[in-house]
PDB file of N, CA and C in Angstrom:
ATOM      1  N   MET A   1      89.606  97.061 105.400  1.00  0.00           N
ATOM      2  CA  MET A   1      88.273  97.289 106.254  1.00  0.00           C
ATOM      3  C   MET A   1      87.125  97.485 105.382  1.00  0.00           C
ATOM      4  N   LEU A   2      87.260  98.201 104.281  1.00  0.00           N
ATOM      5  CA  LEU A   2      86.237  98.392 103.365  1.00  0.00           C
ATOM      6  C   LEU A   2      86.486  97.605 102.058  1.00  0.00           C
ATOM      7  N   PRO A   3      85.440  97.037 101.381  1.00  0.00           N
ATOM      8  CA  PRO A   3      85.674  96.388 100.184  1.00  0.00           C
ATOM      9  C   PRO A   3      85.982  97.216  99.134  1.00  0.00           C
ATOM     10  N   THR A   4      86.549  96.670  97.982  1.00  0.00           N
ATOM     11  CA  THR A   4      87.024  97.368  96.830  1.00  0.00           C
ATOM     12  C   THR A   4      86.089  98.449  96.308  1.00  0.00           C
ATOM     13  N   ALA A   5      84.671  97.920  96.292  1.00  0.00           N
ATOM     14  CA  ALA A   5      83.569  98.840  95.680  1.00  0.00           C
ATOM     15  C   ALA A   5      83.387 100.064  96.651  1.00  0.00           C
ATOM     16  N   SER A   6      83.516  99.903  97.844  1.00  0.00           N
ATOM     17  CA  SER A   6      83.344 101.117  98.767  1.00  0.00           C
ATOM     18  C   SER A   6      84.609 101.987  98.556  1.00  0.00           C
ATOM     19  N   ILE A   7      85.808 101.432  98.457  1.00  0.00           N
ATOM     20  CA  ILE A   7      87.154 102.266  98.188  1.00  0.00           C
ATOM     21  C   ILE A   7      86.918 102.965  96.902  1.00  0.00           C
ATOM     22  N   LYS A   8      86.400 102.318  95.880  1.00  0.00           N
ATOM     23  CA  LYS A   8      86.241 103.115  94.575  1.00  0.00           C
ATOM     24  C   LYS A   8      85.180 104.127  94.514  1.00  0.00           C
ATOM     25  N   ALA A   9      84.203 104.005  95.472  1.00  0.00           N
ATOM     26  CA  ALA A   9      83.082 105.046  95.533  1.00  0.00           C
ATOM     27  C   ALA A   9      83.644 106.312  96.430  1.00  0.00           C
ATOM     28  N   LEU A  10      84.584 106.035  97.289  1.00  0.00           N
ATOM     29  CA  LEU A  10      85.198 107.138  98.025  1.00  0.00           C
ATOM     30  C   LEU A  10      86.168 107.842  97.099  1.00  0.00           C
ATOM     31  N   GLU A  11      86.941 107.105  96.301  1.00  0.00           N
ATOM     32  CA  GLU A  11      87.884 107.651  95.438  1.00  0.00           C
ATOM     33  C   GLU A  11      87.306 108.498  94.425  1.00  0.00           C
ATOM     34  N   ALA A  12      85.996 108.218  93.969  1.00  0.00           N
ATOM     35  CA  ALA A  12      85.225 108.940  92.938  1.00  0.00           C
ATOM     36  C   ALA A  12      84.930 110.272  93.602  1.00  0.00           C
ATOM     37  N   LEU A  13      84.713 110.310  94.816  1.00  0.00           N
ATOM     38  CA  LEU A  13      84.273 111.402  95.568  1.00  0.00           C
ATOM     39  C   LEU A  13      85.497 112.486  95.832  1.00  0.00           C
ATOM     40  N   GLY A  14      86.651 111.843  95.722  1.00  0.00           N
ATOM     41  CA  GLY A  14      87.922 112.573  96.041  1.00  0.00           C
ATOM     42  C   GLY A  14      87.998 112.424  97.504  1.00  0.00           C
ATOM     43  N   ALA A  15      87.438 111.547  98.099  1.00  0.00           N
ATOM     44  CA  ALA A  15      87.735 111.370  99.682  1.00  0.00           C
ATOM     45  C   ALA A  15      89.121 110.709  99.971  1.00  0.00           C
ATOM     46  N   LYS A  16      89.682 111.019 101.130  1.00  0.00           N
ATOM     47  CA  LYS A  16      90.828 110.544 101.670  1.00  0.00           C
ATOM     48  C   LYS A  16      90.526 109.447 102.808  1.00  0.00           C
ATOM     49  N   LEU A  17      91.336 108.366 102.740  1.00  0.00           N
ATOM     50  CA  LEU A  17      91.398 107.399 103.816  1.00  0.00           C
ATOM     51  C   LEU A  17      92.354 107.875 104.670  1.00  0.00           C
ATOM     52  N   VAL A  18      91.972 107.944 105.969  1.00  0.00           N
ATOM     53  CA  VAL A  18      92.847 108.357 106.998  1.00  0.00           C
ATOM     54  C   VAL A  18      92.860 107.292 108.185  1.00  0.00           C
ATOM     55  N   ALA A  19      93.986 106.948 108.703  1.00  0.00           N
ATOM     56  CA  ALA A  19      94.171 106.071 109.830  1.00  0.00           C
ATOM     57  C   ALA A  19      94.630 107.033 110.973  1.00  0.00           C
ATOM     58  N   LEU A  20      94.141 106.933 112.033  1.00  0.00           N
ATOM     59  CA  LEU A  20      94.400 107.887 113.178  1.00  0.00           C
ATOM     60  C   LEU A  20      94.954 106.741 114.192  1.00  0.00           C
ATOM     61  N   VAL A  21      96.260 106.866 114.650  1.00  0.00           N
ATOM     62  CA  VAL A  21      96.844 105.898 115.670  1.00  0.00           C
ATOM     63  C   VAL A  21      97.680 106.746 116.676  1.00  0.00           C
ATOM     64  N   PRO A  22      97.886 106.068 117.747  1.00  0.00           N
ATOM     65  CA  PRO A  22      98.817 106.814 118.783  1.00  0.00           C
ATOM     66  C   PRO A  22     100.161 107.064 118.149  1.00  0.00           C
ATOM     67  N   GLU A  23     100.707 108.324 118.513  1.00  0.00           N
ATOM     68  CA  GLU A  23     101.917 108.659 117.970  1.00  0.00           C
ATOM     69  C   GLU A  23     102.938 107.552 118.014  1.00  0.00           C
ATOM     70  N   THR A  24     103.056 106.861 119.126  1.00  0.00           N
ATOM     71  CA  THR A  24     104.073 105.672 119.264  1.00  0.00           C
ATOM     72  C   THR A  24     103.836 104.572 118.256  1.00  0.00           C
ATOM     73  N   GLN A  25     102.674 104.537 117.602  1.00  0.00           N
ATOM     74  CA  GLN A  25     102.428 103.594 116.621  1.00  0.00           C
ATOM     75  C   GLN A  25     102.534 104.002 115.110  1.00  0.00           C
ATOM     76  N   ARG A  26     102.593 105.333 114.900  1.00  0.00           N
ATOM     77  CA  ARG A  26     102.664 105.931 113.644  1.00  0.00           C
ATOM     78  C   ARG A  26     103.682 105.428 112.765  1.00  0.00           C
ATOM     79  N   GLU A  27     104.902 105.159 113.157  1.00  0.00           N
ATOM     80  CA  GLU A  27     105.862 104.723 112.210  1.00  0.00           C
ATOM     81  C   GLU A  27     105.457 103.379 111.670  1.00  0.00           C
ATOM     82  N   TRP A  28     105.127 102.516 112.564  1.00  0.00           N
ATOM     83  CA  TRP A  28     104.695 101.191 112.260  1.00  0.00           C
ATOM     84  C   TRP A  28     103.542 101.149 111.020  1.00  0.00           C
ATOM     85  N   ALA A  29     102.482 102.051 111.620  1.00  0.00           N
ATOM     86  CA  ALA A  29     101.324 102.096 110.633  1.00  0.00           C
ATOM     87  C   ALA A  29     101.588 102.561 109.279  1.00  0.00           C
ATOM     88  N   GLU A  30     102.473 103.596 109.306  1.00  0.00           N
ATOM     89  CA  GLU A  30     102.927 104.078 107.910  1.00  0.00           C
ATOM     90  C   GLU A  30     103.500 103.040 107.006  1.00  0.00           C
ATOM     91  N   GLU A  31     104.284 102.150 107.722  1.00  0.00           N
ATOM     92  CA  GLU A  31     104.861 100.845 107.027  1.00  0.00           C
ATOM     93  C   GLU A  31     103.929  99.968 106.565  1.00  0.00           C
ATOM     94  N   ASN A  32     102.884  99.791 107.253  1.00  0.00           N
ATOM     95  CA  ASN A  32     101.900  98.617 107.152  1.00  0.00           C
ATOM     96  C   ASN A  32     100.607  98.908 106.536  1.00  0.00           C
ATOM     97  N   MET A  33     100.180 100.103 106.316  1.00  0.00           N
ATOM     98  CA  MET A  33      98.936 100.599 105.892  1.00  0.00           C
ATOM     99  C   MET A  33      98.979 100.386 104.385  1.00  0.00           C
ATOM    100  N   SER A  34      97.721 100.038 103.872  1.00  0.00           N
ATOM    101  CA  SER A  34      97.649 100.057 102.361  1.00  0.00           C
ATOM    102  C   SER A  34      97.952 101.415 101.722  1.00  0.00           C
ATOM    103  N   ASP A  35      98.316 101.312 100.550  1.00  0.00           N
ATOM    104  CA  ASP A  35      98.808 102.393  99.597  1.00  0.00           C
ATOM    105  C   ASP A  35      97.524 103.380  99.743  1.00  0.00           C
ATOM    106  N   GLY A  36      97.826 104.828  99.897  1.00  0.00           N
ATOM    107  CA  GLY A  36      96.793 105.698  99.683  1.00  0.00           C
ATOM    108  C   GLY A  36      96.155 106.182 101.014  1.00  0.00           C
ATOM    109  N   VAL A  37      96.505 105.418 102.000  1.00  0.00           N
ATOM    110  CA  VAL A  37      96.032 105.821 103.279  1.00  0.00           C
ATOM    111  C   VAL A  37      96.927 106.684 104.016  1.00  0.00           C
ATOM    112  N   LEU A  38      96.353 107.845 104.562  1.00  0.00           N
ATOM    113  CA  LEU A  38      97.134 108.784 105.244  1.00  0.00           C
ATOM    114  C   LEU A  38      97.243 108.390 106.685  1.00  0.00           C
ATOM    115  N   VAL A  39      98.356 108.433 107.294  1.00  0.00           N
ATOM    116  CA  VAL A  39      98.407 107.939 108.714  1.00  0.00           C
ATOM    117  C   VAL A  39      98.821 109.181 109.461  1.00  0.00           C
ATOM    118  N   LEU A  40      97.938 109.383 110.415  1.00  0.00           N
ATOM    119  CA  LEU A  40      98.162 110.502 111.440  1.00  0.00           C
ATOM    120  C   LEU A  40      98.436 109.990 112.751  1.00  0.00           C
ATOM    121  N   GLY A  41      99.246 110.774 113.381  1.00  0.00           N
ATOM    122  CA  GLY A  41      99.680 110.239 114.880  1.00  0.00           C
ATOM    123  C   GLY A  41      99.087 111.198 115.867  1.00  0.00           C
ATOM    124  N   ASP A  42      98.353 110.520 116.837  1.00  0.00           N
ATOM    125  CA  ASP A  42      97.662 111.426 117.785  1.00  0.00           C
ATOM    126  C   ASP A  42      98.558 111.588 119.005  1.00  0.00           C
ATOM    127  N   HIS A  43      99.315 112.691 118.918  1.00  0.00           N
ATOM    128  CA  HIS A  43     100.441 113.073 120.030  1.00  0.00           C
ATOM    129  C   HIS A  43      99.841 113.545 121.091  1.00  0.00           C
ATOM    130  N   THR A  44      98.627 114.095 121.226  1.00  0.00           N
ATOM    131  CA  THR A  44      98.084 114.612 122.454  1.00  0.00           C
ATOM    132  C   THR A  44      97.096 113.667 123.230  1.00  0.00           C
ATOM    133  N   GLY A  45      96.624 112.717 122.641  1.00  0.00           N
ATOM    134  CA  GLY A  45      95.635 111.679 123.192  1.00  0.00           C
ATOM    135  C   GLY A  45      94.259 112.260 123.034  1.00  0.00           C
ATOM    136  N   ARG A  46      94.032 113.312 122.516  1.00  0.00           N
ATOM    137  CA  ARG A  46      92.616 113.956 122.404  1.00  0.00           C
ATOM    138  C   ARG A  46      91.743 113.056 121.672  1.00  0.00           C
ATOM    139  N   MET A  47      92.251 112.448 120.528  1.00  0.00           N
ATOM    140  CA  MET A  47      91.448 111.703 119.634  1.00  0.00           C
ATOM    141  C   MET A  47      91.142 110.301 120.269  1.00  0.00           C
ATOM    142  N   LYS A  48      92.205 109.799 120.989  1.00  0.00           N
ATOM    143  CA  LYS A  48      91.903 108.530 121.735  1.00  0.00           C
ATOM    144  C   LYS A  48      90.842 108.653 122.716  1.00  0.00           C
ATOM    145  N   LYS A  49      90.721 109.948 123.442  1.00  0.00           N
ATOM    146  CA  LYS A  49      89.819 110.163 124.438  1.00  0.00           C
ATOM    147  C   LYS A  49      88.473 110.272 123.603  1.00  0.00           C
ATOM    148  N   TRP A  50      88.284 110.944 122.454  1.00  0.00           N
ATOM    149  CA  TRP A  50      87.213 111.100 121.606  1.00  0.00           C
ATOM    150  C   TRP A  50      86.520 109.706 121.327  1.00  0.00           C
ATOM    151  N   PHE A  51      87.506 108.811 120.822  1.00  0.00           N
ATOM    152  CA  PHE A  51      87.019 107.480 120.392  1.00  0.00           C
ATOM    153  C   PHE A  51      86.582 106.665 121.640  1.00  0.00           C
ATOM    154  N   ASP A  52      87.272 106.811 122.732  1.00  0.00           N
ATOM    155  CA  ASP A  52      87.055 106.025 123.893  1.00  0.00           C
ATOM    156  C   ASP A  52      85.616 106.306 124.413  1.00  0.00           C
ATOM    157  N   GLU A  53      85.103 107.629 124.217  1.00  0.00           N
ATOM    158  CA  GLU A  53      83.775 107.907 124.610  1.00  0.00           C
ATOM    159  C   GLU A  53      82.699 107.472 123.608  1.00  0.00           C
ATOM    160  N   ARG A  54      83.057 106.836 122.487  1.00  0.00           N
ATOM    161  CA  ARG A  54      82.063 106.433 121.489  1.00  0.00           C
ATOM    162  C   ARG A  54      82.342 105.048 120.977  1.00  0.00           C
ATOM    163  N   PRO A  55      81.272 104.213 120.886  1.00  0.00           N
ATOM    164  CA  PRO A  55      81.648 102.873 120.589  1.00  0.00           C
ATOM    165  C   PRO A  55      81.738 102.659 119.031  1.00  0.00           C
ATOM    166  N   THR A  56      82.389 103.594 118.211  1.00  0.00           N
ATOM    167  CA  THR A  56      82.404 103.574 116.757  1.00  0.00           C
ATOM    168  C   THR A  56      83.717 103.904 116.390  1.00  0.00           C
ATOM    169  N   PRO A  57      84.439 103.005 115.866  1.00  0.00           N
ATOM    170  CA  PRO A  57      85.931 103.245 115.506  1.00  0.00           C
ATOM    171  C   PRO A  57      86.098 103.650 114.008  1.00  0.00           C
ATOM    172  N   MET A  58      85.060 103.590 113.273  1.00  0.00           N
ATOM    173  CA  MET A  58      84.954 104.153 111.889  1.00  0.00           C
ATOM    174  C   MET A  58      84.148 105.229 111.870  1.00  0.00           C
ATOM    175  N   ILE A  59      84.705 106.358 111.291  1.00  0.00           N
ATOM    176  CA  ILE A  59      84.042 107.669 111.078  1.00  0.00           C
ATOM    177  C   ILE A  59      84.122 108.126 109.641  1.00  0.00           C
ATOM    178  N   PHE A  60      83.043 108.580 109.258  1.00  0.00           N
ATOM    179  CA  PHE A  60      82.954 109.290 107.836  1.00  0.00           C
ATOM    180  C   PHE A  60      82.831 110.776 108.066  1.00  0.00           C
ATOM    181  N   LEU A  61      83.756 111.519 107.855  1.00  0.00           N
ATOM    182  CA  LEU A  61      83.860 112.976 108.112  1.00  0.00           C
ATOM    183  C   LEU A  61      83.743 113.785 106.852  1.00  0.00           C
ATOM    184  N   ARG A  62      82.812 114.642 106.884  1.00  0.00           N
ATOM    185  CA  ARG A  62      82.507 115.526 105.670  1.00  0.00           C
ATOM    186  C   ARG A  62      83.594 116.588 105.669  1.00  0.00           C
ATOM    187  N   PRO A  63      83.741 117.180 104.514  1.00  0.00           N
ATOM    188  CA  PRO A  63      84.819 118.255 104.472  1.00  0.00           C
ATOM    189  C   PRO A  63      84.733 119.373 105.456  1.00  0.00           C
ATOM    190  N   ASP A  64      83.455 119.713 105.853  1.00  0.00           N
ATOM    191  CA  ASP A  64      83.166 120.648 106.852  1.00  0.00           C
ATOM    192  C   ASP A  64      83.351 120.172 108.288  1.00  0.00           C
ATOM    193  N   ARG A  65      83.990 119.068 108.434  1.00  0.00           N
ATOM    194  CA  ARG A  65      84.233 118.354 109.780  1.00  0.00           C
ATOM    195  C   ARG A  65      83.071 117.863 110.478  1.00  0.00           C
ATOM    196  N   PHE A  66      81.856 117.856 109.873  1.00  0.00           N
ATOM    197  CA  PHE A  66      80.625 117.196 110.324  1.00  0.00           C
ATOM    198  C   PHE A  66      80.857 115.860 110.237  1.00  0.00           C
ATOM    199  N   VAL A  67      80.328 114.960 111.270  1.00  0.00           N
ATOM    200  CA  VAL A  67      80.437 113.446 111.203  1.00  0.00           C
ATOM    201  C   VAL A  67      79.206 113.042 110.363  1.00  0.00           C
ATOM    202  N   ALA A  68      79.351 112.520 109.123  1.00  0.00           N
ATOM    203  CA  ALA A  68      78.356 112.223 108.358  1.00  0.00           C
ATOM    204  C   ALA A  68      77.861 110.638 108.724  1.00  0.00           C
ATOM    205  N   GLY A  69      78.775 109.968 109.241  1.00  0.00           N
ATOM    206  CA  GLY A  69      78.411 108.559 109.840  1.00  0.00           C
ATOM    207  C   GLY A  69      79.524 108.087 110.770  1.00  0.00           C
ATOM    208  N   ALA A  70      79.112 107.224 111.599  1.00  0.00           N
ATOM    209  CA  ALA A  70      79.947 106.528 112.518  1.00  0.00           C
ATOM    210  C   ALA A  70      79.489 105.001 112.877  1.00  0.00           C
ATOM    211  N   CYS A  71      80.446 104.191 112.763  1.00  0.00           N
ATOM    212  CA  CYS A  71      79.992 102.796 112.844  1.00  0.00           C
ATOM    213  C   CYS A  71      80.991 101.889 113.360  1.00  0.00           C
ATOM    214  N   LEU A  72      80.637 100.619 113.580  1.00  0.00           N
ATOM    215  CA  LEU A  72      81.716  99.544 113.733  1.00  0.00           C
ATOM    216  C   LEU A  72      82.316  99.131 112.443  1.00  0.00           C
ATOM    217  N   HIS A  73      83.469  98.675 112.275  1.00  0.00           N
ATOM    218  CA  HIS A  73      84.045  98.253 111.115  1.00  0.00           C
ATOM    219  C   HIS A  73      83.250  97.333 110.154  1.00  0.00           C
ATOM    220  N   GLN A  74      82.480  96.454 110.769  1.00  0.00           N
ATOM    221  CA  GLN A  74      81.812  95.476 109.954  1.00  0.00           C
ATOM    222  C   GLN A  74      80.578  96.128 109.320  1.00  0.00           C
ATOM    223  N   ASN A  75      80.170  97.376 109.969  1.00  0.00           N
ATOM    224  CA  ASN A  75      79.135  98.095 109.266  1.00  0.00           C
ATOM    225  C   ASN A  75      79.640  99.290 108.444  1.00  0.00           C
ATOM    226  N   GLY A  76      80.834  99.177 107.985  1.00  0.00           N
ATOM    227  CA  GLY A  76      81.302 100.475 107.314  1.00  0.00           C
ATOM    228  C   GLY A  76      80.739 100.322 105.902  1.00  0.00           C
ATOM    229  N   PRO A  77      80.664  99.331 105.133  1.00  0.00           N
ATOM    230  CA  PRO A  77      79.998  99.289 103.660  1.00  0.00           C
ATOM    231  C   PRO A  77      78.533  99.826 103.659  1.00  0.00           C
ATOM    232  N   ALA A  78      77.941  99.259 104.640  1.00  0.00           N
ATOM    233  CA  ALA A  78      76.378  99.608 104.744  1.00  0.00           C
ATOM    234  C   ALA A  78      76.278 101.192 105.060  1.00  0.00           C
ATOM    235  N   THR A  79      77.152 101.711 106.059  1.00  0.00           N
ATOM    236  CA  THR A  79      77.091 102.952 106.578  1.00  0.00           C
ATOM    237  C   THR A  79      77.390 103.950 105.260  1.00  0.00           C
ATOM    238  N   LEU A  80      78.549 103.627 104.565  1.00  0.00           N
ATOM    239  CA  LEU A  80      78.932 104.353 103.380  1.00  0.00           C
ATOM    240  C   LEU A  80      77.780 104.406 102.537  1.00  0.00           C
ATOM    241  N   GLN A  81      77.133 103.293 102.108  1.00  0.00           N
ATOM    242  CA  GLN A  81      76.172 103.192 101.031  1.00  0.00           C
ATOM    243  C   GLN A  81      74.920 104.197 101.542  1.00  0.00           C
ATOM    244  N   ALA A  82      74.805 104.205 102.872  1.00  0.00           N
ATOM    245  CA  ALA A  82      73.565 105.096 103.276  1.00  0.00           C
ATOM    246  C   ALA A  82      73.987 106.474 103.040  1.00  0.00           C
ATOM    247  N   ILE A  83      75.271 106.779 103.313  1.00  0.00           N
ATOM    248  CA  ILE A  83      75.705 108.239 103.029  1.00  0.00           C
ATOM    249  C   ILE A  83      75.543 108.506 101.630  1.00  0.00           C
ATOM    250  N   LEU A  84      76.079 107.718 100.743  1.00  0.00           N
ATOM    251  CA  LEU A  84      75.995 107.871  99.253  1.00  0.00           C
ATOM    252  C   LEU A  84      74.588 107.937  98.946  1.00  0.00           C
ATOM    253  N   ASP A  85      73.612 107.122  99.356  1.00  0.00           N
ATOM    254  CA  ASP A  85      72.223 107.243  99.010  1.00  0.00           C
ATOM    255  C   ASP A  85      71.703 108.544  99.318  1.00  0.00           C
ATOM    256  N   SER A  86      72.104 109.018 100.544  1.00  0.00           N
ATOM    257  CA  SER A  86      71.586 110.324 100.910  1.00  0.00           C
ATOM    258  C   SER A  86      72.089 111.475 100.222  1.00  0.00           C
ATOM    259  N   MET A  87      73.326 111.397  99.765  1.00  0.00           N
ATOM    260  CA  MET A  87      73.862 112.427  98.915  1.00  0.00           C
ATOM    261  C   MET A  87      73.224 112.352  97.539  1.00  0.00           C
ATOM    262  N   GLY A  88      72.843 111.290  97.000  1.00  0.00           N
ATOM    263  CA  GLY A  88      72.109 111.143  95.777  1.00  0.00           C
ATOM    264  C   GLY A  88      70.759 111.755  95.785  1.00  0.00           C
ATOM    265  N   ARG A  89      70.175 111.446  96.908  1.00  0.00           N
ATOM    266  CA  ARG A  89      68.644 112.056  97.057  1.00  0.00           C
ATOM    267  C   ARG A  89      68.919 113.633  97.419  1.00  0.00           C
ATOM    268  N   ALA A  90      69.964 114.117  98.090  1.00  0.00           N
ATOM    269  CA  ALA A  90      69.942 115.657  98.172  1.00  0.00           C
ATOM    270  C   ALA A  90      70.296 116.191  96.820  1.00  0.00           C
ATOM    271  N   ALA A  91      71.082 115.530  96.022  1.00  0.00           N
ATOM    272  CA  ALA A  91      71.436 116.106  94.638  1.00  0.00           C
ATOM    273  C   ALA A  91      70.136 116.153  93.838  1.00  0.00           C
ATOM    274  N   GLU A  92      69.399 114.940  93.898  1.00  0.00           N
ATOM    275  CA  GLU A  92      68.102 114.967  93.048  1.00  0.00           C
ATOM    276  C   GLU A  92      67.295 116.091  93.573  1.00  0.00           C
ATOM    277  N   GLN A  93      66.954 116.358  94.764  1.00  0.00           N
ATOM    278  CA  GLN A  93      66.071 117.463  95.276  1.00  0.00           C
ATOM    279  C   GLN A  93      66.655 118.708  94.690  1.00  0.00           C
ATOM    280  N   HIS A  94      67.909 118.889  94.822  1.00  0.00           N
ATOM    281  CA  HIS A  94      68.464 120.289  94.469  1.00  0.00           C
ATOM    282  C   HIS A  94      68.242 120.462  92.873  1.00  0.00           C
ATOM    283  N   ARG A  95      68.373 119.477  92.100  1.00  0.00           N
ATOM    284  CA  ARG A  95      68.027 119.581  90.692  1.00  0.00           C
ATOM    285  C   ARG A  95      66.594 119.697  90.498  1.00  0.00           C
ATOM    286  N   ALA A  96      65.657 119.065  91.168  1.00  0.00           N
ATOM    287  CA  ALA A  96      64.321 119.343  91.054  1.00  0.00           C
ATOM    288  C   ALA A  96      63.995 120.617  91.419  1.00  0.00           C
ATOM    289  N   LYS A  97      64.402 121.279  92.490  1.00  0.00           N
ATOM    290  CA  LYS A  97      64.137 122.594  93.013  1.00  0.00           C
ATOM    291  C   LYS A  97      64.564 123.608  91.966  1.00  0.00           C
ATOM    292  N   SER A  98      65.916 123.443  91.546  1.00  0.00           N
ATOM    293  CA  SER A  98      66.311 124.251  90.405  1.00  0.00           C
ATOM    294  C   SER A  98      65.667 124.291  89.189  1.00  0.00           C
ATOM    295  N   GLN A  99      64.928 123.129  88.737  1.00  0.00           N
ATOM    296  CA  GLN A  99      64.087 122.933  87.537  1.00  0.00           C
ATOM    297  C   GLN A  99      62.564 123.439  87.769  1.00  0.00           C
ATOM    298  N   GLY A 100      62.243 123.633  89.117  1.00  0.00           N
ATOM    299  CA  GLY A 100      60.878 124.175  89.477  1.00  0.00           C
ATOM    300  C   GLY A 100      59.829 122.884  89.492  1.00  0.00           C
ATOM    301  N   SER A 101      60.375 121.743  89.690  1.00  0.00           N
ATOM    302  CA  SER A 101      59.452 120.663  89.771  1.00  0.00           C
ATOM    303  C   SER A 101      59.610 120.056  91.184  1.00  0.00           C
ATOM    304  N   THR A 102      58.698 119.081  91.511  1.00  0.00           N
ATOM    305  CA  THR A 102      58.880 118.602  92.883  1.00  0.00           C
ATOM    306  C   THR A 102      59.334 117.115  92.837  1.00  0.00           C
ATOM    307  N   LEU A 103      59.934 116.584  93.756  1.00  0.00           N
ATOM    308  CA  LEU A 103      60.400 115.236  93.886  1.00  0.00           C
ATOM    309  C   LEU A 103      59.925 114.592  95.176  1.00  0.00           C
ATOM    310  N   SER A 104      59.360 113.502  95.054  1.00  0.00           N
ATOM    311  CA  SER A 104      58.990 112.810  96.257  1.00  0.00           C
ATOM    312  C   SER A 104      59.959 111.787  96.674  1.00  0.00           C
ATOM    313  N   VAL A 105      60.370 111.832  98.040  1.00  0.00           N
ATOM    314  CA  VAL A 105      61.286 110.918  98.563  1.00  0.00           C
ATOM    315  C   VAL A 105      60.704 110.051  99.604  1.00  0.00           C
TER     316      VAL A 105
END
């Protein structure tokens, strides 16, 4: 679902690719997903309900469990790039503050 460049950017960050499927589909998904994708089964249906309430099947989740981005699959690369761009700006602002200079964005 993501092009190679997007996958490489995520790998550079140490991000994990996770596929969340109904528990009844987990075994099939584990056999058929790309290498490096962690497959989790939704045995309670809570995640299905969460996704049913939102029109966005692709989620970019930060380590603190904050949703950094949510989109349709076809918008995944652009959404990821926007997240990476904002991370770069945040890092630049932090460096500028620690050096005592200002940065206009």
